Amino acid sequence: MGRRTLLLIAALVVAALGTGLVFLYAQNAQNNAKAGQELVTVLVAKSKIELGTTGSAASSAGAFQQVQIPRDTLVPDAISDASPLANLVAVVPVFPGQQIIQPQWGQSASTGGLAIPAGKLAMSVTLGDPERVAGFVTPGSKIAIFTYGNTAPAGPGGTAPKTIAPGVRLLLSGVEVIGVGPTTTVPNTSGQASNQQVPTAILTLAVDQSQAQKLIFASGHGGGPYTGLYLALQPADSKLEPPAPLTNGSNLFK
């Protein structure tokens, strides 16, 4: 067999191998594209569902419909069947076209249009953007609440407050958010750039009596040294130490 024949055979083998690799690559790309476009069934709102509406009432009113969408557009916690919502109530307004997700609904009794868990009180606090996790806190979120402060109240006879360092401490954990009001702006009272407007929002929390009293005191309305609240989103696997010591200047870097 001549050299030219061997070169021709080698060229044919390489060409065949290249064609096979190209085919496999194209097939894999096609399979990936099909996987991304796989259609799944999801429940969406056909009409607006008001806060406090029961799932059974929304279903009877024809507010739900099942549609098919590409899997890669499915939002987390989306559901495809309205039956689990029958005895639940909407804890937020749901607008037409929105996918129905589990956190929009809760096992609550409606009071004044607000879904309040059984045995709890509804209490509202006003917080700025950083203090409410930049707006990522939504109805159904579980949060940890920290309190902070810098000054003691005025002494007897209206004497000037004494500067102390109460620091920061975990106040409550596992608190459920049941309502989030619209964002508004208020004048900055921090003493810096007093003409600046600060975004704030009202958050409504489900608490018991003891928690409500602690929140009022820690917010600065009880005459104590603590003057504000700071929230943190609390996933199920987060680790908190409620008895953790107070953090202040004496142990900040320890």
Protein backbone atom coordinates (compact mmCIF):
# COMPACT_ATOMS: atom_id res chain seq x y z
CA MET A 1 0.00 0.00 0.00
CA GLY A 2 1.49 3.27 -1.11
CA ARG A 3 2.13 6.31 1.04
CA ARG A 4 -0.48 8.33 -0.81
CA THR A 5 -3.11 5.68 -0.12
CA LEU A 6 -2.28 5.67 3.59
CA LEU A 7 -2.58 9.47 3.75
CA LEU A 8 -5.95 9.29 2.00
CA ILE A 9 -7.24 6.68 4.48
CA ALA A 10 -6.01 8.76 7.43
CA ALA A 11 -7.71 11.86 6.03
CA LEU A 12 -10.99 9.98 5.66
CA VAL A 13 -10.78 8.68 9.24
CA VAL A 14 -10.10 12.19 10.61
CA ALA A 15 -12.96 13.60 8.55
CA ALA A 16 -15.35 10.93 9.81
CA LEU A 17 -14.26 11.51 13.40
CA GLY A 18 -14.74 15.26 13.00
CA THR A 19 -18.20 14.78 11.52
CA GLY A 20 -19.16 12.54 14.42
CA LEU A 21 -17.96 15.07 17.01
CA VAL A 22 -19.86 17.86 15.30
CA PHE A 23 -23.00 15.73 15.27
CA LEU A 24 -22.65 14.90 18.97
CA TYR A 25 -22.09 18.57 19.83
CA ALA A 26 -25.14 19.65 17.85
CA GLN A 27 -27.26 16.90 19.40
CA ASN A 28 -26.16 17.90 22.91
CA ALA A 29 -26.91 21.58 22.23
CA GLN A 30 -30.33 20.63 20.89
CA ASN A 31 -31.09 18.52 23.95
CA ASN A 32 -30.07 21.38 26.25
CA ALA A 33 -32.28 23.79 24.32
CA LYS A 34 -35.21 21.40 24.56
CA ALA A 35 -34.66 20.99 28.31
CA GLY A 36 -34.77 24.76 28.79
CA GLN A 37 -37.97 25.00 26.77
CA GLU A 38 -39.71 22.06 28.44
CA LEU A 39 -43.24 23.13 29.22
CA VAL A 40 -44.63 22.81 32.73
CA THR A 41 -48.07 23.57 34.14
CA VAL A 42 -48.37 26.43 36.63
CA LEU A 43 -51.25 28.23 38.33
CA VAL A 44 -51.55 31.95 37.55
CA ALA A 45 -53.95 34.68 38.62
CA LYS A 46 -56.61 35.35 35.99
CA SER A 47 -57.92 38.38 37.90
CA LYS A 48 -56.74 40.39 40.90
CA ILE A 49 -56.95 38.56 44.23
CA GLU A 50 -57.36 40.94 47.15
CA LEU A 51 -55.56 40.63 50.47
CA GLY A 52 -57.48 38.34 52.84
CA THR A 53 -59.30 36.43 50.08
CA THR A 54 -59.61 32.72 50.80
CA GLY A 55 -58.34 30.25 48.25
CA SER A 56 -61.79 28.69 47.93
CA ALA A 57 -63.39 32.09 47.25
CA ALA A 58 -60.75 32.95 44.65
CA SER A 59 -61.25 29.59 42.98
CA SER A 60 -65.06 29.98 42.94
CA ALA A 61 -64.66 33.44 41.39
CA GLY A 62 -62.53 32.00 38.59
CA ALA A 63 -59.43 33.91 39.71
CA PHE A 64 -57.10 30.99 38.93
CA GLN A 65 -56.13 29.40 35.67
CA GLN A 66 -53.60 26.77 34.68
CA VAL A 67 -51.17 27.65 31.91
CA GLN A 68 -48.10 26.04 30.41
CA ILE A 69 -44.82 27.93 30.47
CA PRO A 70 -41.16 27.07 29.75
CA ARG A 71 -39.56 25.47 32.78
CA ASP A 72 -36.81 28.09 32.93
CA THR A 73 -39.44 30.81 33.58
CA LEU A 74 -40.98 28.97 36.54
CA VAL A 75 -40.54 30.96 39.76
CA PRO A 76 -39.57 29.24 43.05
CA ASP A 77 -42.45 27.85 45.15
CA ALA A 78 -44.89 28.09 42.21
CA ILE A 79 -47.82 25.66 42.38
CA SER A 80 -49.91 24.04 39.67
CA ASP A 81 -53.10 23.19 41.57
CA ALA A 82 -55.40 25.44 43.60
CA SER A 83 -56.75 22.73 45.91
CA PRO A 84 -54.08 23.21 48.66
CA LEU A 85 -55.13 26.87 48.91
CA ALA A 86 -58.79 26.21 49.72
CA ASN A 87 -58.50 26.91 53.45
CA LEU A 88 -55.74 29.51 53.19
CA VAL A 89 -55.99 33.28 52.72
CA ALA A 90 -53.98 35.63 50.53
CA VAL A 91 -51.48 37.51 52.72
CA VAL A 92 -50.59 39.88 49.85
CA PRO A 93 -52.55 41.16 46.85
CA VAL A 94 -52.03 38.96 43.79
CA PHE A 95 -52.24 40.62 40.38
CA PRO A 96 -53.39 39.20 37.03
CA GLY A 97 -50.72 37.18 35.27
CA GLN A 98 -48.70 36.48 38.43
CA GLN A 99 -47.67 32.90 39.09
CA ILE A 100 -49.29 31.61 42.26
CA ILE A 101 -46.63 30.83 44.87
CA GLN A 102 -47.01 29.29 48.32
CA PRO A 103 -45.67 32.32 50.32
CA GLN A 104 -48.60 34.42 49.01
CA TRP A 105 -50.94 32.34 51.20
CA GLY A 106 -51.15 31.62 54.90
CA GLN A 107 -53.12 29.68 57.49
CA SER A 108 -54.58 32.72 59.16
CA ALA A 109 -57.78 34.29 60.31
CA SER A 110 -58.56 37.58 58.61
CA THR A 111 -58.95 40.63 60.84
CA GLY A 112 -59.67 43.95 59.20
CA GLY A 113 -58.40 42.63 55.88
CA LEU A 114 -55.08 41.48 57.40
CA ALA A 115 -54.22 37.80 57.79
CA ILE A 116 -53.05 37.28 61.39
CA PRO A 117 -51.84 33.87 62.60
CA ALA A 118 -53.98 32.39 65.36
CA GLY A 119 -52.95 33.53 68.84
CA LYS A 120 -50.79 36.38 67.54
CA LEU A 121 -51.00 40.15 67.42
CA ALA A 122 -50.27 42.32 64.39
CA MET A 123 -47.73 45.06 65.07
CA SER A 124 -46.19 47.53 62.63
CA VAL A 125 -42.76 49.15 62.61
CA THR A 126 -41.32 51.76 60.25
CA LEU A 127 -37.83 51.03 58.95
CA GLY A 128 -35.46 52.40 56.32
CA ASP A 129 -34.05 50.42 53.41
CA PRO A 130 -30.90 49.04 55.12
CA GLU A 131 -32.79 48.15 58.29
CA ARG A 132 -35.34 46.06 56.33
CA VAL A 133 -32.79 44.14 54.21
CA ALA A 134 -33.02 46.55 51.26
CA GLY A 135 -36.64 45.64 50.56
CA PHE A 136 -36.12 41.87 50.30
CA VAL A 137 -38.40 41.26 53.30
CA THR A 138 -41.83 40.22 51.97
CA PRO A 139 -45.02 38.80 53.52
CA GLY A 140 -44.26 35.29 54.72
CA SER A 141 -40.59 36.04 55.43
CA LYS A 142 -39.10 34.89 58.73
CA ILE A 143 -36.79 37.47 60.26
CA ALA A 144 -34.38 37.99 63.13
CA ILE A 145 -34.59 41.37 64.84
CA PHE A 146 -31.60 43.15 66.37
CA THR A 147 -31.72 46.25 68.53
CA TYR A 148 -29.13 48.99 68.97
CA GLY A 149 -28.64 52.31 70.74
CA ASN A 150 -26.11 54.82 72.01
CA THR A 151 -27.57 57.11 74.66
CA ALA A 152 -29.37 56.77 77.96
CA PRO A 153 -32.57 58.69 78.68
CA ALA A 154 -32.49 62.06 80.45
CA GLY A 155 -31.96 61.88 84.20
CA PRO A 156 -34.14 63.30 86.99
CA GLY A 157 -35.01 66.94 86.56
CA GLY A 158 -34.36 66.82 82.83
CA THR A 159 -30.58 66.53 83.11
CA ALA A 160 -28.71 65.88 79.89
CA PRO A 161 -28.49 62.24 78.81
CA LYS A 162 -25.28 60.43 79.61
CA THR A 163 -23.43 58.85 76.69
CA ILE A 164 -23.16 55.08 77.12
CA ALA A 165 -22.48 52.19 74.79
CA PRO A 166 -25.33 49.68 75.04
CA GLY A 167 -24.28 48.19 71.73
CA VAL A 168 -26.17 45.72 69.54
CA ARG A 169 -27.96 42.53 70.49
CA LEU A 170 -30.30 39.94 69.02
CA LEU A 171 -33.79 40.75 70.29
CA LEU A 172 -36.14 38.26 68.59
CA SER A 173 -35.87 35.47 66.03
CA GLY A 174 -38.28 33.53 63.85
CA VAL A 175 -40.71 36.45 63.60
CA GLU A 176 -43.14 36.23 60.66
CA VAL A 177 -43.79 39.22 58.41
CA ILE A 178 -47.48 39.42 57.47
CA GLY A 179 -47.57 42.74 55.63
CA VAL A 180 -45.32 45.24 53.86
CA GLY A 181 -46.55 48.74 53.16
CA PRO A 182 -45.50 50.96 50.27
CA THR A 183 -42.14 52.73 50.37
CA THR A 184 -42.25 56.40 51.31
CA THR A 185 -39.60 59.02 52.05
CA VAL A 186 -39.03 60.98 55.25
CA PRO A 187 -36.49 63.67 56.17
CA ASN A 188 -33.14 62.40 57.37
CA THR A 189 -32.88 63.00 61.13
CA SER A 190 -29.40 61.57 61.58
CA GLY A 191 -27.79 65.00 61.54
CA GLN A 192 -26.03 64.38 58.22
CA ALA A 193 -27.37 66.02 55.07
CA SER A 194 -30.61 66.98 56.80
CA ASN A 195 -32.31 67.82 53.50
CA GLN A 196 -31.88 64.27 52.24
CA GLN A 197 -34.98 62.08 51.94
CA VAL A 198 -34.68 58.56 53.36
CA PRO A 199 -36.78 55.68 51.89
CA THR A 200 -38.83 53.91 54.55
CA ALA A 201 -41.58 51.31 54.66
CA ILE A 202 -43.99 49.98 57.25
CA LEU A 203 -43.63 46.29 58.07
CA THR A 204 -46.36 44.45 59.95
CA LEU A 205 -45.24 41.54 62.11
CA ALA A 206 -47.03 38.67 63.84
CA VAL A 207 -45.96 38.72 67.50
CA ASP A 208 -47.20 37.77 70.95
CA GLN A 209 -47.64 40.23 73.81
CA SER A 210 -44.12 39.82 75.20
CA GLN A 211 -42.55 40.31 71.78
CA ALA A 212 -44.69 43.40 71.14
CA GLN A 213 -43.56 44.97 74.42
CA LYS A 214 -39.91 44.26 73.61
CA LEU A 215 -40.26 45.78 70.13
CA ILE A 216 -41.83 48.96 71.50
CA PHE A 217 -39.10 49.37 74.13
CA ALA A 218 -36.26 48.54 71.71
CA SER A 219 -37.63 51.01 69.15
CA GLY A 220 -36.96 53.87 71.56
CA HIS A 221 -40.55 54.39 72.69
CA GLY A 222 -40.03 53.04 76.20
CA GLY A 223 -37.50 55.51 77.52
CA GLY A 224 -34.60 53.02 77.48
CA PRO A 225 -31.15 53.28 75.92
CA TYR A 226 -32.09 51.33 72.79
CA THR A 227 -33.27 53.47 69.93
CA GLY A 228 -33.79 51.33 66.84
CA LEU A 229 -34.28 47.99 65.13
CA TYR A 230 -32.37 46.16 62.40
CA LEU A 231 -33.80 43.16 60.56
CA ALA A 232 -32.13 40.14 58.99
CA LEU A 233 -33.76 37.52 56.77
CA GLN A 234 -33.70 34.19 58.60
CA PRO A 235 -33.54 31.08 56.38
CA ALA A 236 -34.48 27.78 57.95
CA ASP A 237 -30.83 26.68 58.18
CA SER A 238 -29.48 29.91 59.72
CA LYS A 239 -27.69 29.66 63.06
CA LEU A 240 -28.43 32.20 65.77
CA GLU A 241 -27.33 32.40 69.39
CA PRO A 242 -30.08 34.20 71.36
CA PRO A 243 -27.97 34.32 74.57
CA ALA A 244 -25.04 35.81 72.64
CA PRO A 245 -23.37 38.65 74.58
CA LEU A 246 -23.98 42.27 73.79
CA THR A 247 -21.71 43.61 71.05
CA ASN A 248 -20.13 46.97 71.82
CA GLY A 249 -16.80 48.72 71.75
CA SER A 250 -15.32 46.50 74.42
CA ASN A 251 -15.66 43.25 72.47
CA LEU A 252 -16.15 44.29 68.84
CA PHE A 253 -12.86 42.82 67.66
CA LYS A 254 -12.66 39.82 69.96
